[in-house]
Protein backbone atom coordinates (compact mmCIF):
# COMPACT_ATOMS: atom_id res chain seq x y z
CA UNK A 1 -14.51 4.08 -2.60
CA UNK A 2 -16.84 0.86 -1.78
CA UNK A 3 -15.37 -1.50 0.49
CA UNK A 4 -15.81 -5.25 1.15
CA UNK A 5 -14.74 -7.22 3.96
CA UNK A 6 -12.46 -10.38 4.09
CA UNK A 7 -15.41 -12.17 4.97
CA UNK A 8 -17.67 -11.16 1.99
CA UNK A 9 -14.24 -13.12 0.03
CA UNK A 10 -15.94 -16.24 1.44
CA UNK A 11 -19.49 -16.04 2.14
CA UNK A 12 -20.67 -14.09 -1.20
CA UNK A 13 -17.40 -14.22 -3.72
CA UNK A 14 -19.78 -13.49 -6.70
CA UNK A 15 -21.05 -10.43 -5.15
CA UNK A 16 -17.48 -9.39 -4.67
CA UNK A 17 -16.50 -9.83 -8.22
CA UNK A 18 -19.47 -7.89 -9.26
CA UNK A 19 -18.50 -4.96 -7.16
CA UNK A 20 -15.51 -4.66 -8.72
CA UNK A 21 -16.58 -4.80 -11.99
CA UNK A 22 -18.93 -1.79 -10.95
CA UNK A 23 -16.56 0.36 -8.73
CA UNK A 24 -12.93 -0.71 -10.32
CA UNK A 25 -11.53 -0.68 -6.88
CA UNK A 26 -12.59 -2.13 -3.79
CA UNK A 27 -10.92 -1.09 -0.12
CA UNK A 28 -10.91 -4.55 1.70
CA UNK A 29 -11.53 -4.57 5.13
CA UNK A 30 -10.55 -6.41 8.16
CA UNK A 31 -11.84 -6.14 11.68
CA UNK A 32 -13.69 -2.93 10.20
CA UNK A 33 -10.34 -1.74 9.12
CA UNK A 34 -8.83 -0.99 5.50
CA UNK A 35 -6.45 -4.25 5.10
CA UNK A 36 -5.81 -3.83 1.39
CA UNK A 37 -7.01 -2.74 -2.20
CA UNK A 38 -8.66 -4.90 -4.82
CA UNK A 39 -8.44 -3.49 -7.81
CA UNK A 40 -9.22 -4.43 -12.04
CA UNK A 41 -6.56 -5.58 -13.95
CA UNK A 42 -5.77 -6.44 -17.38
CA UNK A 43 -3.10 -8.34 -19.21
CA UNK A 44 -2.14 -5.24 -21.01
CA UNK A 45 -1.49 -3.13 -18.15
CA UNK A 46 -1.10 -5.31 -14.75
CA UNK A 47 2.83 -5.22 -15.20
CA UNK A 48 2.50 -0.92 -15.62
CA UNK A 49 0.39 -0.93 -12.54
CA UNK A 50 2.58 -2.87 -10.42
CA UNK A 51 5.32 -0.77 -11.10
CA UNK A 52 3.12 2.27 -10.49
CA UNK A 53 2.89 0.66 -7.03
CA UNK A 54 6.71 0.11 -6.58
CA UNK A 55 7.07 3.53 -7.33
CA UNK A 56 4.71 4.82 -4.86
CA UNK A 57 6.34 2.74 -1.94
CA UNK A 58 9.76 4.55 -3.03
CA UNK A 59 8.43 7.68 -3.35
CA UNK A 60 7.02 7.16 0.44
CA UNK A 61 10.81 5.49 1.58
CA UNK A 62 12.30 8.88 0.10
CA UNK A 63 9.98 10.96 1.76
CA UNK A 64 10.67 9.63 5.02
CA UNK A 65 14.19 9.97 4.55
CA UNK A 66 13.80 13.96 3.59
CA UNK A 67 11.78 14.55 6.42
CA UNK A 68 14.50 12.90 8.79
CA UNK A 69 17.51 14.84 7.45
CA UNK A 70 15.49 17.98 7.81
CA UNK A 71 14.31 16.84 11.19
CA UNK A 72 18.13 16.52 11.85
CA UNK A 73 18.91 19.43 10.68
CA UNK A 74 21.40 18.56 8.20
CA UNK A 75 20.92 18.29 4.31
CA UNK A 76 23.15 14.87 4.43
CA UNK A 77 22.82 11.52 5.90
CA UNK A 78 24.94 8.07 6.15
CA UNK A 79 24.06 5.24 4.28
CA UNK A 80 23.49 3.85 7.86
CA UNK A 81 21.04 6.37 8.45
CA UNK A 82 19.12 6.11 5.26
CA UNK A 83 19.43 2.57 5.98
CA UNK A 84 17.59 3.00 8.80
CA UNK A 85 14.86 4.79 7.79
CA UNK A 86 13.92 2.15 5.02
CA UNK A 87 13.79 -0.49 7.73
CA UNK A 88 11.81 1.66 9.73
CA UNK A 89 9.43 2.46 6.16
CA UNK A 90 9.37 -1.51 5.89
CA UNK A 91 8.24 -2.12 9.60
CA UNK A 92 5.27 0.10 9.30
CA UNK A 93 4.21 -1.23 5.89
CA UNK A 94 4.07 -4.91 7.68
CA UNK A 95 2.94 -3.50 10.91
CA UNK A 96 -0.27 -1.50 9.15
CA UNK A 97 -0.99 -4.79 7.10
CA UNK A 98 -1.02 -6.70 10.05
CA UNK A 99 -3.34 -4.64 11.71
């Protein structure tokens, strides 16, 4: 997958859009590190694509909860423990986005 920098958006926006048309998705970098993914969208599929992204994030949170449960040697977690894991996953996402 090809990439563009945040700076490219400011200095060469036309080239960024041409690359997006060519590659269909781009990794956006900030300070040389992945920051976002830019993908093509159309009015007919944008809602479906956004839902798929939400489902993926939910799946990651669920995987974290399952891992935490296994680490604790239990097959059940309390609601407070589940909420704590969800908070941790959200904090990780915020940290990754700000990295």
